[in-house]
């Protein structure tokens, strides 16, 4: 299982470039759920590791299954609270870069598997 944190500020969505597996791809902050960890705890831990702040999930936005050549997993994407100072965020240990993208831009950048599907839930 994996989680992602969807955060929106002034019609922009926060995406990070993760390292080292797919450094050219963008995705919301998130990652694998650790053993005996609740989904909410995983979102909070992963956001702290990737963007240096803890985001708090407000509601489940999407749940999708991803099947890749080397693995399959369930992705739980949560809509998270707004960050007080979005310009103060910096990529942390698990992220190479971060950027606030307008939705129209976000769907045009190289996205990690499943991200486009999750972002479509924002427009429904």
PDB file of N, CA and C in Angstrom:
ATOM      1  N   UNK A   1       0.835  -1.178   0.000  1.00  0.00           N
ATOM      2  CA  UNK A   1       0.000   0.000   0.000  1.00  0.00           C
ATOM      3  C   UNK A   1       0.880   1.241   0.000  1.00  0.00           C
ATOM      4  N   UNK A   2       0.331   2.310  -0.597  1.00  0.00           N
ATOM      5  CA  UNK A   2       1.022   3.588  -0.626  1.00  0.00           C
ATOM      6  C   UNK A   2      -0.002   4.696  -0.411  1.00  0.00           C
ATOM      7  N   UNK A   3       0.497   5.856  -0.017  1.00  0.00           N
ATOM      8  CA  UNK A   3      -0.358   7.021   0.207  1.00  0.00           C
ATOM      9  C   UNK A   3       0.209   8.225  -0.529  1.00  0.00           C
ATOM     10  N   UNK A   4      -0.662   9.187  -0.812  1.00  0.00           N
ATOM     11  CA  UNK A   4      -0.200  10.469  -1.339  1.00  0.00           C
ATOM     12  C   UNK A   4      -1.047  11.578  -0.731  1.00  0.00           C
ATOM     13  N   UNK A   5      -0.431  12.765  -0.653  1.00  0.00           N
ATOM     14  CA  UNK A   5      -1.070  13.933  -0.052  1.00  0.00           C
ATOM     15  C   UNK A   5      -1.346  14.968  -1.133  1.00  0.00           C
ATOM     16  N   UNK A   6      -2.609  15.206  -1.404  1.00  0.00           N
ATOM     17  CA  UNK A   6      -3.002  16.200  -2.391  1.00  0.00           C
ATOM     18  C   UNK A   6      -3.270  17.502  -1.642  1.00  0.00           C
ATOM     19  N   UNK A   7      -2.480  18.524  -1.961  1.00  0.00           N
ATOM     20  CA  UNK A   7      -2.609  19.817  -1.305  1.00  0.00           C
ATOM     21  C   UNK A   7      -2.803  20.889  -2.358  1.00  0.00           C
ATOM     22  N   UNK A   8      -3.791  21.735  -2.136  1.00  0.00           N
ATOM     23  CA  UNK A   8      -4.116  22.780  -3.100  1.00  0.00           C
ATOM     24  C   UNK A   8      -4.003  24.137  -2.417  1.00  0.00           C
ATOM     25  N   UNK A   9      -3.413  25.099  -3.147  1.00  0.00           N
ATOM     26  CA  UNK A   9      -3.325  26.468  -2.661  1.00  0.00           C
ATOM     27  C   UNK A   9      -3.537  27.406  -3.848  1.00  0.00           C
ATOM     28  N   UNK A  10      -4.578  28.226  -3.785  1.00  0.00           N
ATOM     29  CA  UNK A  10      -4.883  29.173  -4.856  1.00  0.00           C
ATOM     30  C   UNK A  10      -4.888  28.494  -6.230  1.00  0.00           C
ATOM     31  N   UNK A  11      -5.663  27.435  -6.340  1.00  0.00           N
ATOM     32  CA  UNK A  11      -5.816  26.696  -7.606  1.00  0.00           C
ATOM     33  C   UNK A  11      -4.538  26.042  -8.100  1.00  0.00           C
ATOM     34  N   UNK A  12      -3.587  25.822  -7.217  1.00  0.00           N
ATOM     35  CA  UNK A  12      -2.359  25.116  -7.585  1.00  0.00           C
ATOM     36  C   UNK A  12      -2.217  23.881  -6.708  1.00  0.00           C
ATOM     37  N   UNK A  13      -1.635  22.826  -7.287  1.00  0.00           N
ATOM     38  CA  UNK A  13      -1.427  21.579  -6.572  1.00  0.00           C
ATOM     39  C   UNK A  13       0.077  21.383  -6.349  1.00  0.00           C
ATOM     40  N   UNK A  14       0.416  20.884  -5.186  1.00  0.00           N
ATOM     41  CA  UNK A  14       1.817  20.654  -4.831  1.00  0.00           C
ATOM     42  C   UNK A  14       2.275  19.295  -5.350  1.00  0.00           C
ATOM     43  N   UNK A  15       3.369  19.303  -6.127  1.00  0.00           N
ATOM     44  CA  UNK A  15       3.980  18.066  -6.608  1.00  0.00           C
ATOM     45  C   UNK A  15       5.470  18.107  -6.304  1.00  0.00           C
ATOM     46  N   UNK A  16       6.044  16.932  -6.086  1.00  0.00           N
ATOM     47  CA  UNK A  16       7.485  16.820  -5.823  1.00  0.00           C
ATOM     48  C   UNK A  16       8.111  15.878  -6.846  1.00  0.00           C
ATOM     49  N   UNK A  17       9.409  16.087  -7.058  1.00  0.00           N
ATOM     50  CA  UNK A  17      10.190  15.115  -7.830  1.00  0.00           C
ATOM     51  C   UNK A  17      10.901  14.260  -6.795  1.00  0.00           C
ATOM     52  N   UNK A  18      10.631  12.978  -6.847  1.00  0.00           N
ATOM     53  CA  UNK A  18      11.212  12.074  -5.855  1.00  0.00           C
ATOM     54  C   UNK A  18      12.564  11.565  -6.303  1.00  0.00           C
ATOM     55  N   UNK A  19      13.350  11.170  -5.331  1.00  0.00           N
ATOM     56  CA  UNK A  19      14.651  10.574  -5.642  1.00  0.00           C
ATOM     57  C   UNK A  19      14.713   9.208  -4.979  1.00  0.00           C
ATOM     58  N   UNK A  20      15.526   8.309  -5.448  1.00  0.00           N
ATOM     59  CA  UNK A  20      16.259   8.327  -6.710  1.00  0.00           C
ATOM     60  C   UNK A  20      15.561   7.544  -7.809  1.00  0.00           C
ATOM     61  N   UNK A  21      14.471   6.854  -7.495  1.00  0.00           N
ATOM     62  CA  UNK A  21      13.875   5.905  -8.447  1.00  0.00           C
ATOM     63  C   UNK A  21      13.435   6.538  -9.773  1.00  0.00           C
ATOM     64  N   UNK A  22      12.675   7.618  -9.718  1.00  0.00           N
ATOM     65  CA  UNK A  22      12.189   8.280 -10.932  1.00  0.00           C
ATOM     66  C   UNK A  22      12.370   9.785 -10.808  1.00  0.00           C
ATOM     67  N   UNK A  23      13.598  10.268 -10.898  1.00  0.00           N
ATOM     68  CA  UNK A  23      13.839  11.684 -10.639  1.00  0.00           C
ATOM     69  C   UNK A  23      13.215  12.636 -11.646  1.00  0.00           C
ATOM     70  N   UNK A  24      12.810  12.137 -12.814  1.00  0.00           N
ATOM     71  CA  UNK A  24      12.215  13.013 -13.806  1.00  0.00           C
ATOM     72  C   UNK A  24      10.704  13.129 -13.657  1.00  0.00           C
ATOM     73  N   UNK A  25      10.108  12.316 -12.791  1.00  0.00           N
ATOM     74  CA  UNK A  25       8.653  12.290 -12.655  1.00  0.00           C
ATOM     75  C   UNK A  25       8.185  13.069 -11.433  1.00  0.00           C
ATOM     76  N   UNK A  26       7.009  13.679 -11.578  1.00  0.00           N
ATOM     77  CA  UNK A  26       6.398  14.466 -10.516  1.00  0.00           C
ATOM     78  C   UNK A  26       5.237  13.689  -9.906  1.00  0.00           C
ATOM     79  N   UNK A  27       5.034  13.887  -8.604  1.00  0.00           N
ATOM     80  CA  UNK A  27       3.938  13.230  -7.896  1.00  0.00           C
ATOM     81  C   UNK A  27       3.639  14.013  -6.624  1.00  0.00           C
ATOM     82  N   UNK A  28       2.458  13.848  -6.066  1.00  0.00           N
ATOM     83  CA  UNK A  28       2.201  14.452  -4.761  1.00  0.00           C
ATOM     84  C   UNK A  28       3.131  13.828  -3.725  1.00  0.00           C
ATOM     85  N   UNK A  29       3.424  14.520  -2.644  1.00  0.00           N
ATOM     86  CA  UNK A  29       4.215  13.899  -1.585  1.00  0.00           C
ATOM     87  C   UNK A  29       3.532  12.620  -1.120  1.00  0.00           C
ATOM     88  N   UNK A  30       4.324  11.611  -0.826  1.00  0.00           N
ATOM     89  CA  UNK A  30       3.751  10.353  -0.361  1.00  0.00           C
ATOM     90  C   UNK A  30       4.742   9.222  -0.503  1.00  0.00           C
ATOM     91  N   UNK A  31       4.273   8.021  -0.256  1.00  0.00           N
ATOM     92  CA  UNK A  31       5.133   6.858  -0.363  1.00  0.00           C
ATOM     93  C   UNK A  31       4.503   5.630   0.256  1.00  0.00           C
ATOM     94  N   UNK A  32       5.329   4.646   0.499  1.00  0.00           N
ATOM     95  CA  UNK A  32       4.860   3.361   1.015  1.00  0.00           C
ATOM     96  C   UNK A  32       4.380   3.470   2.463  1.00  0.00           C
ATOM     97  N   UNK A  33       3.371   2.669   2.753  1.00  0.00           N
ATOM     98  CA  UNK A  33       2.877   2.536   4.121  1.00  0.00           C
ATOM     99  C   UNK A  33       3.748   1.493   4.807  1.00  0.00           C
ATOM    100  N   UNK A  34       4.296   1.850   5.953  1.00  0.00           N
ATOM    101  CA  UNK A  34       5.154   0.923   6.679  1.00  0.00           C
ATOM    102  C   UNK A  34       4.315  -0.093   7.440  1.00  0.00           C
ATOM    103  N   UNK A  35       4.950  -1.179   7.801  1.00  0.00           N
ATOM    104  CA  UNK A  35       4.278  -2.253   8.530  1.00  0.00           C
ATOM    105  C   UNK A  35       3.663  -1.706   9.822  1.00  0.00           C
ATOM    106  N   UNK A  36       2.419  -2.081  10.089  1.00  0.00           N
ATOM    107  CA  UNK A  36       1.656  -1.682  11.278  1.00  0.00           C
ATOM    108  C   UNK A  36       1.402  -0.175  11.356  1.00  0.00           C
ATOM    109  N   UNK A  37       1.482   0.525  10.221  1.00  0.00           N
ATOM    110  CA  UNK A  37       1.233   1.961  10.189  1.00  0.00           C
ATOM    111  C   UNK A  37      -0.154   2.223   9.604  1.00  0.00           C
ATOM    112  N   UNK A  38      -0.898   3.123  10.215  1.00  0.00           N
ATOM    113  CA  UNK A  38      -2.200   3.526   9.686  1.00  0.00           C
ATOM    114  C   UNK A  38      -1.984   4.463   8.502  1.00  0.00           C
ATOM    115  N   UNK A  39      -2.953   4.530   7.609  1.00  0.00           N
ATOM    116  CA  UNK A  39      -2.823   5.360   6.413  1.00  0.00           C
ATOM    117  C   UNK A  39      -2.580   6.828   6.766  1.00  0.00           C
ATOM    118  N   UNK A  40      -3.311   7.337   7.736  1.00  0.00           N
ATOM    119  CA  UNK A  40      -3.152   8.745   8.152  1.00  0.00           C
ATOM    120  C   UNK A  40      -1.734   8.978   8.671  1.00  0.00           C
ATOM    121  N   UNK A  41      -1.232   8.057   9.464  1.00  0.00           N
ATOM    122  CA  UNK A  41       0.140   8.184   9.979  1.00  0.00           C
ATOM    123  C   UNK A  41       1.143   8.181   8.823  1.00  0.00           C
ATOM    124  N   UNK A  42       0.896   7.369   7.818  1.00  0.00           N
ATOM    125  CA  UNK A  42       1.804   7.297   6.669  1.00  0.00           C
ATOM    126  C   UNK A  42       1.823   8.620   5.906  1.00  0.00           C
ATOM    127  N   UNK A  43       0.655   9.238   5.717  1.00  0.00           N
ATOM    128  CA  UNK A  43       0.605  10.541   5.035  1.00  0.00           C
ATOM    129  C   UNK A  43       1.404  11.571   5.818  1.00  0.00           C
ATOM    130  N   UNK A  44       1.190  11.613   7.112  1.00  0.00           N
ATOM    131  CA  UNK A  44       1.884  12.599   7.947  1.00  0.00           C
ATOM    132  C   UNK A  44       3.398  12.369   7.930  1.00  0.00           C
ATOM    133  N   UNK A  45       3.830  11.126   8.034  1.00  0.00           N
ATOM    134  CA  UNK A  45       5.263  10.821   8.028  1.00  0.00           C
ATOM    135  C   UNK A  45       5.892  11.130   6.680  1.00  0.00           C
ATOM    136  N   UNK A  46       5.246  10.695   5.613  1.00  0.00           N
ATOM    137  CA  UNK A  46       5.797  10.902   4.272  1.00  0.00           C
ATOM    138  C   UNK A  46       5.899  12.386   3.928  1.00  0.00           C
ATOM    139  N   UNK A  47       4.901  13.180   4.292  1.00  0.00           N
ATOM    140  CA  UNK A  47       4.985  14.610   3.979  1.00  0.00           C
ATOM    141  C   UNK A  47       6.084  15.278   4.802  1.00  0.00           C
ATOM    142  N   UNK A  48       6.224  14.868   6.014  1.00  0.00           N
ATOM    143  CA  UNK A  48       7.314  15.410   6.857  1.00  0.00           C
ATOM    144  C   UNK A  48       8.673  15.078   6.234  1.00  0.00           C
ATOM    145  N   UNK A  49       8.824  13.843   5.720  1.00  0.00           N
ATOM    146  CA  UNK A  49      10.083  13.423   5.109  1.00  0.00           C
ATOM    147  C   UNK A  49      10.356  14.120   3.779  1.00  0.00           C
ATOM    148  N   UNK A  50       9.318  14.391   2.997  1.00  0.00           N
ATOM    149  CA  UNK A  50       9.524  14.925   1.652  1.00  0.00           C
ATOM    150  C   UNK A  50       9.492  16.441   1.550  1.00  0.00           C
ATOM    151  N   UNK A  51       8.666  17.107   2.377  1.00  0.00           N
ATOM    152  CA  UNK A  51       8.564  18.565   2.253  1.00  0.00           C
ATOM    153  C   UNK A  51       8.844  19.299   3.558  1.00  0.00           C
ATOM    154  N   UNK A  52       9.197  18.561   4.600  1.00  0.00           N
ATOM    155  CA  UNK A  52       9.613  19.193   5.840  1.00  0.00           C
ATOM    156  C   UNK A  52       8.492  19.682   6.741  1.00  0.00           C
ATOM    157  N   UNK A  53       7.239  19.468   6.367  1.00  0.00           N
ATOM    158  CA  UNK A  53       6.099  19.802   7.227  1.00  0.00           C
ATOM    159  C   UNK A  53       5.153  18.609   7.242  1.00  0.00           C
ATOM    160  N   UNK A  54       4.363  18.532   8.274  1.00  0.00           N
ATOM    161  CA  UNK A  54       3.385  17.461   8.389  1.00  0.00           C
ATOM    162  C   UNK A  54       2.046  17.950   7.867  1.00  0.00           C
ATOM    163  N   UNK A  55       1.534  17.295   6.848  1.00  0.00           N
ATOM    164  CA  UNK A  55       0.203  17.613   6.341  1.00  0.00           C
ATOM    165  C   UNK A  55      -0.803  16.683   6.995  1.00  0.00           C
ATOM    166  N   UNK A  56      -1.996  17.208   7.249  1.00  0.00           N
ATOM    167  CA  UNK A  56      -3.035  16.429   7.908  1.00  0.00           C
ATOM    168  C   UNK A  56      -4.166  16.141   6.915  1.00  0.00           C
ATOM    169  N   UNK A  57      -4.445  14.870   6.674  1.00  0.00           N
ATOM    170  CA  UNK A  57      -5.505  14.500   5.736  1.00  0.00           C
ATOM    171  C   UNK A  57      -6.881  14.976   6.200  1.00  0.00           C
ATOM    172  N   UNK A  58      -7.655  15.501   5.255  1.00  0.00           N
ATOM    173  CA  UNK A  58      -9.025  15.928   5.529  1.00  0.00           C
ATOM    174  C   UNK A  58     -10.019  14.857   5.122  1.00  0.00           C
ATOM    175  N   UNK A  59      -9.756  14.231   3.957  1.00  0.00           N
ATOM    176  CA  UNK A  59     -10.643  13.159   3.486  1.00  0.00           C
ATOM    177  C   UNK A  59      -9.937  12.362   2.396  1.00  0.00           C
ATOM    178  N   UNK A  60     -10.400  11.130   2.203  1.00  0.00           N
ATOM    179  CA  UNK A  60      -9.882  10.289   1.131  1.00  0.00           C
ATOM    180  C   UNK A  60     -10.416  10.826  -0.190  1.00  0.00           C
ATOM    181  N   UNK A  61      -9.529  11.146  -1.107  1.00  0.00           N
ATOM    182  CA  UNK A  61      -9.911  11.692  -2.401  1.00  0.00           C
ATOM    183  C   UNK A  61     -10.044  10.593  -3.445  1.00  0.00           C
ATOM    184  N   UNK A  62      -9.128   9.631  -3.436  1.00  0.00           N
ATOM    185  CA  UNK A  62      -9.145   8.567  -4.437  1.00  0.00           C
ATOM    186  C   UNK A  62      -8.414   7.341  -3.900  1.00  0.00           C
ATOM    187  N   UNK A  63      -8.876   6.195  -4.339  1.00  0.00           N
ATOM    188  CA  UNK A  63      -8.200   4.930  -4.055  1.00  0.00           C
ATOM    189  C   UNK A  63      -8.100   4.199  -5.387  1.00  0.00           C
ATOM    190  N   UNK A  64      -6.861   3.927  -5.820  1.00  0.00           N
ATOM    191  CA  UNK A  64      -6.673   3.257  -7.099  1.00  0.00           C
ATOM    192  C   UNK A  64      -5.684   2.115  -6.937  1.00  0.00           C
ATOM    193  N   UNK A  65      -5.769   1.158  -7.845  1.00  0.00           N
ATOM    194  CA  UNK A  65      -4.801   0.071  -7.883  1.00  0.00           C
ATOM    195  C   UNK A  65      -3.849   0.328  -9.041  1.00  0.00           C
ATOM    196  N   UNK A  66      -2.565   0.155  -8.777  1.00  0.00           N
ATOM    197  CA  UNK A  66      -1.550   0.347  -9.807  1.00  0.00           C
ATOM    198  C   UNK A  66      -0.846  -0.971 -10.062  1.00  0.00           C
ATOM    199  N   UNK A  67      -0.745  -1.339 -11.324  1.00  0.00           N
ATOM    200  CA  UNK A  67      -0.068  -2.568 -11.722  1.00  0.00           C
ATOM    201  C   UNK A  67       1.081  -2.183 -12.638  1.00  0.00           C
ATOM    202  N   UNK A  68       2.289  -2.395 -12.155  1.00  0.00           N
ATOM    203  CA  UNK A  68       3.483  -2.073 -12.923  1.00  0.00           C
ATOM    204  C   UNK A  68       4.208  -3.376 -13.233  1.00  0.00           C
ATOM    205  N   UNK A  69       5.229  -3.306 -14.055  1.00  0.00           N
ATOM    206  CA  UNK A  69       5.918  -4.525 -14.470  1.00  0.00           C
ATOM    207  C   UNK A  69       6.558  -5.271 -13.305  1.00  0.00           C
ATOM    208  N   UNK A  70       7.039  -4.537 -12.295  1.00  0.00           N
ATOM    209  CA  UNK A  70       7.746  -5.186 -11.192  1.00  0.00           C
ATOM    210  C   UNK A  70       6.968  -5.244  -9.881  1.00  0.00           C
ATOM    211  N   UNK A  71       5.784  -4.608  -9.830  1.00  0.00           N
ATOM    212  CA  UNK A  71       5.017  -4.612  -8.582  1.00  0.00           C
ATOM    213  C   UNK A  71       3.611  -4.093  -8.810  1.00  0.00           C
ATOM    214  N   UNK A  72       2.747  -4.383  -7.852  1.00  0.00           N
ATOM    215  CA  UNK A  72       1.381  -3.872  -7.836  1.00  0.00           C
ATOM    216  C   UNK A  72       1.106  -3.354  -6.434  1.00  0.00           C
ATOM    217  N   UNK A  73       0.301  -2.292  -6.355  1.00  0.00           N
ATOM    218  CA  UNK A  73      -0.038  -1.764  -5.031  1.00  0.00           C
ATOM    219  C   UNK A  73      -1.297  -0.918  -5.100  1.00  0.00           C
ATOM    220  N   UNK A  74      -1.883  -0.704  -3.931  1.00  0.00           N
ATOM    221  CA  UNK A  74      -3.043   0.177  -3.796  1.00  0.00           C
ATOM    222  C   UNK A  74      -2.543   1.535  -3.344  1.00  0.00           C
ATOM    223  N   UNK A  75      -3.036   2.595  -4.005  1.00  0.00           N
ATOM    224  CA  UNK A  75      -2.658   3.958  -3.660  1.00  0.00           C
ATOM    225  C   UNK A  75      -3.866   4.665  -3.077  1.00  0.00           C
ATOM    226  N   UNK A  76      -3.701   5.202  -1.871  1.00  0.00           N
ATOM    227  CA  UNK A  76      -4.737   5.960  -1.192  1.00  0.00           C
ATOM    228  C   UNK A  76      -4.307   7.425  -1.197  1.00  0.00           C
ATOM    229  N   UNK A  77      -5.065   8.252  -1.914  1.00  0.00           N
ATOM    230  CA  UNK A  77      -4.716   9.674  -2.027  1.00  0.00           C
ATOM    231  C   UNK A  77      -5.682  10.503  -1.191  1.00  0.00           C
ATOM    232  N   UNK A  78      -5.110  11.307  -0.314  1.00  0.00           N
ATOM    233  CA  UNK A  78      -5.895  12.116   0.612  1.00  0.00           C
ATOM    234  C   UNK A  78      -5.807  13.591   0.265  1.00  0.00           C
ATOM    235  N   UNK A  79      -6.944  14.273   0.312  1.00  0.00           N
ATOM    236  CA  UNK A  79      -6.939  15.720   0.235  1.00  0.00           C
ATOM    237  C   UNK A  79      -6.489  16.207   1.607  1.00  0.00           C
ATOM    238  N   UNK A  80      -5.477  17.067   1.622  1.00  0.00           N
ATOM    239  CA  UNK A  80      -4.887  17.499   2.893  1.00  0.00           C
ATOM    240  C   UNK A  80      -5.130  18.970   3.150  1.00  0.00           C
ATOM    241  N   UNK A  81      -4.881  19.356   4.394  1.00  0.00           N
ATOM    242  CA  UNK A  81      -5.076  20.742   4.792  1.00  0.00           C
ATOM    243  C   UNK A  81      -4.141  21.673   4.036  1.00  0.00           C
ATOM    244  N   UNK A  82      -4.489  22.933   4.022  1.00  0.00           N
ATOM    245  CA  UNK A  82      -3.706  23.946   3.331  1.00  0.00           C
ATOM    246  C   UNK A  82      -2.486  24.302   4.177  1.00  0.00           C
ATOM    247  N   UNK A  83      -1.407  24.584   3.501  1.00  0.00           N
ATOM    248  CA  UNK A  83      -0.165  24.967   4.174  1.00  0.00           C
ATOM    249  C   UNK A  83      -0.180  26.477   4.387  1.00  0.00           C
ATOM    250  N   UNK A  84       0.112  26.928   5.612  1.00  0.00           N
ATOM    251  CA  UNK A  84       0.055  28.356   5.916  1.00  0.00           C
ATOM    252  C   UNK A  84       0.979  29.196   5.053  1.00  0.00           C
ATOM    253  N   UNK A  85       2.195  28.755   4.843  1.00  0.00           N
ATOM    254  CA  UNK A  85       3.155  29.497   4.030  1.00  0.00           C
ATOM    255  C   UNK A  85       3.712  28.589   2.938  1.00  0.00           C
ATOM    256  N   UNK A  86       2.961  28.406   1.839  1.00  0.00           N
ATOM    257  CA  UNK A  86       3.405  27.483   0.793  1.00  0.00           C
ATOM    258  C   UNK A  86       4.751  27.842   0.178  1.00  0.00           C
ATOM    259  N   UNK A  87       5.102  29.105   0.165  1.00  0.00           N
ATOM    260  CA  UNK A  87       6.388  29.497  -0.426  1.00  0.00           C
ATOM    261  C   UNK A  87       7.567  29.116   0.458  1.00  0.00           C
ATOM    262  N   UNK A  88       7.298  28.770   1.712  1.00  0.00           N
ATOM    263  CA  UNK A  88       8.370  28.417   2.643  1.00  0.00           C
ATOM    264  C   UNK A  88       8.762  26.938   2.571  1.00  0.00           C
ATOM    265  N   UNK A  89       8.040  26.140   1.803  1.00  0.00           N
ATOM    266  CA  UNK A  89       8.349  24.715   1.703  1.00  0.00           C
ATOM    267  C   UNK A  89       9.667  24.494   0.973  1.00  0.00           C
ATOM    268  N   UNK A  90      10.392  23.491   1.415  1.00  0.00           N
ATOM    269  CA  UNK A  90      11.624  23.103   0.731  1.00  0.00           C
ATOM    270  C   UNK A  90      11.640  21.589   0.609  1.00  0.00           C
ATOM    271  N   UNK A  91      12.201  21.074  -0.494  1.00  0.00           N
ATOM    272  CA  UNK A  91      12.306  19.621  -0.604  1.00  0.00           C
ATOM    273  C   UNK A  91      13.210  19.096   0.499  1.00  0.00           C
ATOM    274  N   UNK A  92      12.789  18.011   1.112  1.00  0.00           N
ATOM    275  CA  UNK A  92      13.556  17.425   2.208  1.00  0.00           C
ATOM    276  C   UNK A  92      14.273  16.177   1.724  1.00  0.00           C
ATOM    277  N   UNK A  93      14.611  15.301   2.637  1.00  0.00           N
ATOM    278  CA  UNK A  93      15.487  14.167   2.329  1.00  0.00           C
ATOM    279  C   UNK A  93      14.978  13.246   1.227  1.00  0.00           C
ATOM    280  N   UNK A  94      13.680  13.100   1.065  1.00  0.00           N
ATOM    281  CA  UNK A  94      13.140  12.170   0.081  1.00  0.00           C
ATOM    282  C   UNK A  94      12.648  12.830  -1.197  1.00  0.00           C
ATOM    283  N   UNK A  95      12.970  14.110  -1.413  1.00  0.00           N
ATOM    284  CA  UNK A  95      12.507  14.801  -2.617  1.00  0.00           C
ATOM    285  C   UNK A  95      13.637  15.634  -3.208  1.00  0.00           C
ATOM    286  N   UNK A  96      13.704  15.646  -4.540  1.00  0.00           N
ATOM    287  CA  UNK A  96      14.708  16.454  -5.228  1.00  0.00           C
ATOM    288  C   UNK A  96      14.257  17.891  -5.402  1.00  0.00           C
ATOM    289  N   UNK A  97      12.951  18.087  -5.616  1.00  0.00           N
ATOM    290  CA  UNK A  97      12.419  19.407  -5.916  1.00  0.00           C
ATOM    291  C   UNK A  97      10.932  19.399  -5.593  1.00  0.00           C
ATOM    292  N   UNK A  98      10.355  20.583  -5.458  1.00  0.00           N
ATOM    293  CA  UNK A  98       8.904  20.698  -5.314  1.00  0.00           C
ATOM    294  C   UNK A  98       8.446  21.919  -6.077  1.00  0.00           C
ATOM    295  N   UNK A  99       7.171  21.878  -6.473  1.00  0.00           N
ATOM    296  CA  UNK A  99       6.635  22.987  -7.251  1.00  0.00           C
ATOM    297  C   UNK A  99       5.117  23.008  -7.096  1.00  0.00           C
ATOM    298  N   UNK A 100       4.571  24.217  -7.051  1.00  0.00           N
ATOM    299  CA  UNK A 100       3.117  24.399  -7.074  1.00  0.00           C
ATOM    300  C   UNK A 100       2.711  24.578  -8.535  1.00  0.00           C
ATOM    301  N   UNK A 101       1.904  23.653  -9.061  1.00  0.00           N
ATOM    302  CA  UNK A 101       1.485  23.671 -10.464  1.00  0.00           C
ATOM    303  C   UNK A 101       0.005  23.998 -10.579  1.00  0.00           C
ATOM    304  N   UNK A 102      -0.335  24.836 -11.557  1.00  0.00           N
ATOM    305  CA  UNK A 102      -1.749  24.979 -11.910  1.00  0.00           C
ATOM    306  C   UNK A 102      -2.176  23.626 -12.489  1.00  0.00           C
ATOM    307  N   UNK A 103      -3.432  23.277 -12.310  1.00  0.00           N
ATOM    308  CA  UNK A 103      -3.908  21.972 -12.749  1.00  0.00           C
ATOM    309  C   UNK A 103      -3.593  21.731 -14.226  1.00  0.00           C
ATOM    310  N   UNK A 104      -3.821  22.742 -15.064  1.00  0.00           N
ATOM    311  CA  UNK A 104      -3.577  22.591 -16.502  1.00  0.00           C
ATOM    312  C   UNK A 104      -2.101  22.279 -16.789  1.00  0.00           C
ATOM    313  N   UNK A 105      -1.209  22.820 -15.967  1.00  0.00           N
ATOM    314  CA  UNK A 105       0.223  22.555 -16.128  1.00  0.00           C
ATOM    315  C   UNK A 105       0.582  21.179 -15.564  1.00  0.00           C
ATOM    316  N   UNK A 106       0.010  20.870 -14.431  1.00  0.00           N
ATOM    317  CA  UNK A 106       0.352  19.623 -13.736  1.00  0.00           C
ATOM    318  C   UNK A 106       0.077  18.397 -14.592  1.00  0.00           C
ATOM    319  N   UNK A 107      -0.991  18.416 -15.356  1.00  0.00           N
ATOM    320  CA  UNK A 107      -1.317  17.238 -16.163  1.00  0.00           C
ATOM    321  C   UNK A 107      -0.443  17.126 -17.409  1.00  0.00           C
ATOM    322  N   UNK A 108       0.407  18.125 -17.651  1.00  0.00           N
ATOM    323  CA  UNK A 108       1.288  18.100 -18.822  1.00  0.00           C
ATOM    324  C   UNK A 108       2.736  17.754 -18.493  1.00  0.00           C
ATOM    325  N   UNK A 109       3.100  17.754 -17.215  1.00  0.00           N
ATOM    326  CA  UNK A 109       4.476  17.409 -16.853  1.00  0.00           C
ATOM    327  C   UNK A 109       4.580  15.893 -16.730  1.00  0.00           C
ATOM    328  N   UNK A 110       5.795  15.335 -16.761  1.00  0.00           N
ATOM    329  CA  UNK A 110       5.929  13.879 -16.581  1.00  0.00           C
ATOM    330  C   UNK A 110       5.458  13.478 -15.178  1.00  0.00           C
ATOM    331  N   UNK A 111       4.400  12.698 -15.123  1.00  0.00           N
ATOM    332  CA  UNK A 111       3.815  12.296 -13.848  1.00  0.00           C
ATOM    333  C   UNK A 111       4.115  10.837 -13.541  1.00  0.00           C
ATOM    334  N   UNK A 112       4.297  10.544 -12.280  1.00  0.00           N
ATOM    335  CA  UNK A 112       4.480   9.164 -11.832  1.00  0.00           C
ATOM    336  C   UNK A 112       3.195   8.382 -12.125  1.00  0.00           C
ATOM    337  N   UNK A 113       3.288   7.056 -12.236  1.00  0.00           N
ATOM    338  CA  UNK A 113       2.100   6.245 -12.530  1.00  0.00           C
ATOM    339  C   UNK A 113       0.962   6.515 -11.544  1.00  0.00           C
ATOM    340  N   UNK A 114      -0.233   6.686 -12.085  1.00  0.00           N
ATOM    341  CA  UNK A 114      -1.427   6.878 -11.278  1.00  0.00           C
ATOM    342  C   UNK A 114      -1.737   8.314 -10.905  1.00  0.00           C
ATOM    343  N   UNK A 115      -0.783   9.220 -11.025  1.00  0.00           N
ATOM    344  CA  UNK A 115      -0.996  10.601 -10.580  1.00  0.00           C
ATOM    345  C   UNK A 115      -2.056  11.296 -11.422  1.00  0.00           C
ATOM    346  N   UNK A 116      -2.037  11.106 -12.730  1.00  0.00           N
ATOM    347  CA  UNK A 116      -3.046  11.732 -13.582  1.00  0.00           C
ATOM    348  C   UNK A 116      -4.443  11.294 -13.160  1.00  0.00           C
ATOM    349  N   UNK A 117      -4.618  10.022 -12.892  1.00  0.00           N
ATOM    350  CA  UNK A 117      -5.916   9.498 -12.461  1.00  0.00           C
ATOM    351  C   UNK A 117      -6.358  10.156 -11.161  1.00  0.00           C
ATOM    352  N   UNK A 118      -5.444  10.294 -10.222  1.00  0.00           N
ATOM    353  CA  UNK A 118      -5.771  10.929  -8.940  1.00  0.00           C
ATOM    354  C   UNK A 118      -6.117  12.406  -9.140  1.00  0.00           C
ATOM    355  N   UNK A 119      -5.340  13.117  -9.938  1.00  0.00           N
ATOM    356  CA  UNK A 119      -5.601  14.539 -10.155  1.00  0.00           C
ATOM    357  C   UNK A 119      -6.956  14.778 -10.820  1.00  0.00           C
ATOM    358  N   UNK A 120      -7.388  13.858 -11.640  1.00  0.00           N
ATOM    359  CA  UNK A 120      -8.724  13.988 -12.273  1.00  0.00           C
ATOM    360  C   UNK A 120      -9.826  14.024 -11.233  1.00  0.00           C
ATOM    361  N   UNK A 121      -9.609  13.398 -10.078  1.00  0.00           N
ATOM    362  CA  UNK A 121     -10.616  13.422  -9.017  1.00  0.00           C
ATOM    363  C   UNK A 121     -10.845  14.835  -8.476  1.00  0.00           C
ATOM    364  N   UNK A 122      -9.889  15.715  -8.677  1.00  0.00           N
ATOM    365  CA  UNK A 122     -10.042  17.098  -8.217  1.00  0.00           C
ATOM    366  C   UNK A 122     -11.068  17.852  -9.030  1.00  0.00           C
ATOM    367  N   UNK A 123     -11.312  17.424 -10.256  1.00  0.00           N
ATOM    368  CA  UNK A 123     -12.242  18.135 -11.129  1.00  0.00           C
ATOM    369  C   UNK A 123     -13.630  17.501 -11.120  1.00  0.00           C
ATOM    370  N   UNK A 124     -13.814  16.443 -10.384  1.00  0.00           N
ATOM    371  CA  UNK A 124     -15.118  15.760 -10.372  1.00  0.00           C
ATOM    372  C   UNK A 124     -15.978  16.266  -9.242  1.00  0.00           C
TER     373      UNK A 124
END
